Amino acid sequence: MKNQWPTAVSKTYFPDIDEDKLLTRRELEILKWIMDGLASKQIAERLHISIHTVNAHRKNMLRKTNCTNFSEIVKYAIKHNLL
């Protein structure tokens, strides 16, 4: 059984948090680079951070949005006007 959080985890426990505040500023920045077609290694180089940090942000974005892949996150971002 897949361990997934309820949709918009913060909405379940913190209903007053807006959808656009669900992802951090850094996660949104990384999402922008992903949408531009950059790989984790390229994003890490541009932001001067570890590739492991980029991958941790990617994992957190999937968990927070209850998405299974980045195609779904892109649709989520468009639907909620995040970028």
Protein backbone atom coordinates (compact mmCIF):
# COMPACT_ATOMS: atom_id res chain seq x y z
CA MET A 1 0.00 0.00 0.00
CA LYS A 2 1.34 3.38 -0.99
CA ASN A 3 1.92 5.75 1.90
CA GLN A 4 0.42 9.05 0.76
CA TRP A 5 -0.54 12.11 2.72
CA PRO A 6 -4.05 13.46 2.35
CA THR A 7 -4.35 15.98 -0.47
CA ALA A 8 -2.77 19.25 0.60
CA VAL A 9 -1.47 18.02 3.95
CA SER A 10 -1.59 21.47 5.46
CA LYS A 11 -5.27 21.85 4.52
CA THR A 12 -6.10 18.81 6.65
CA TYR A 13 -4.35 20.07 9.75
CA PHE A 14 -4.16 23.81 9.05
CA PRO A 15 -7.23 24.73 6.97
CA ASP A 16 -6.42 28.46 7.00
CA ILE A 17 -3.19 28.00 4.99
CA ASP A 18 -3.55 29.00 1.34
CA GLU A 19 -2.67 26.56 -1.44
CA ASP A 20 -0.11 29.03 -2.74
CA LYS A 21 1.72 28.90 0.62
CA LEU A 22 1.95 25.10 0.60
CA LEU A 23 5.35 25.08 -1.14
CA THR A 24 8.31 27.08 0.13
CA ARG A 25 10.00 29.80 -1.88
CA ARG A 26 12.93 27.48 -2.63
CA GLU A 27 10.61 24.65 -3.70
CA LEU A 28 8.84 27.03 -6.09
CA GLU A 29 12.21 28.16 -7.44
CA ILE A 30 13.23 24.55 -8.06
CA LEU A 31 9.85 23.82 -9.64
CA LYS A 32 10.41 26.71 -12.06
CA TRP A 33 13.75 25.24 -13.11
CA ILE A 34 12.17 21.79 -13.50
CA MET A 35 9.47 23.28 -15.72
CA ASP A 36 12.26 24.86 -17.78
CA GLY A 37 13.65 21.36 -18.36
CA LEU A 38 16.66 21.38 -16.05
CA ALA A 39 17.84 18.21 -14.32
CA SER A 40 18.55 18.09 -10.58
CA LYS A 41 22.31 18.36 -11.17
CA GLN A 42 21.88 21.49 -13.31
CA ILE A 43 19.56 23.06 -10.72
CA ALA A 44 22.05 22.30 -7.95
CA GLU A 45 24.84 23.96 -9.92
CA ARG A 46 22.77 27.10 -10.60
CA LEU A 47 21.66 27.45 -6.99
CA HIS A 48 25.05 26.46 -5.55
CA ILE A 49 23.54 23.69 -3.43
CA SER A 50 23.99 19.93 -3.25
CA ILE A 51 22.16 17.67 -5.70
CA HIS A 52 20.93 15.83 -2.60
CA THR A 53 19.30 19.03 -1.36
CA VAL A 54 17.55 19.48 -4.72
CA ASN A 55 16.32 15.89 -4.60
CA ALA A 56 15.08 16.40 -1.02
CA HIS A 57 13.11 19.46 -2.16
CA ARG A 58 11.68 17.44 -5.07
CA LYS A 59 10.62 14.67 -2.68
CA ASN A 60 9.01 17.18 -0.31
CA MET A 61 7.08 18.78 -3.17
CA LEU A 62 5.68 15.40 -4.17
CA ARG A 63 4.66 14.65 -0.60
CA LYS A 64 3.09 18.05 0.08
CA THR A 65 1.04 18.09 -3.11
CA ASN A 66 0.14 14.39 -2.99
CA CYS A 67 1.49 13.98 -6.52
CA THR A 68 3.25 10.88 -7.82
CA ASN A 69 5.43 12.52 -10.48
CA PHE A 70 6.48 15.91 -11.75
CA SER A 71 3.96 15.98 -14.56
CA GLU A 72 1.30 16.04 -11.88
CA ILE A 73 3.13 18.77 -9.95
CA VAL A 74 3.29 20.92 -13.09
CA LYS A 75 -0.49 20.50 -13.51
CA TYR A 76 -0.93 21.29 -9.79
CA ALA A 77 1.19 24.45 -10.13
CA ILE A 78 -0.79 25.62 -13.14
CA LYS A 79 -4.15 24.84 -11.50
CA HIS A 80 -3.23 26.78 -8.36
CA ASN A 81 -1.39 29.62 -10.19
CA LEU A 82 1.81 28.96 -8.25
CA LEU A 83 4.16 30.14 -11.01
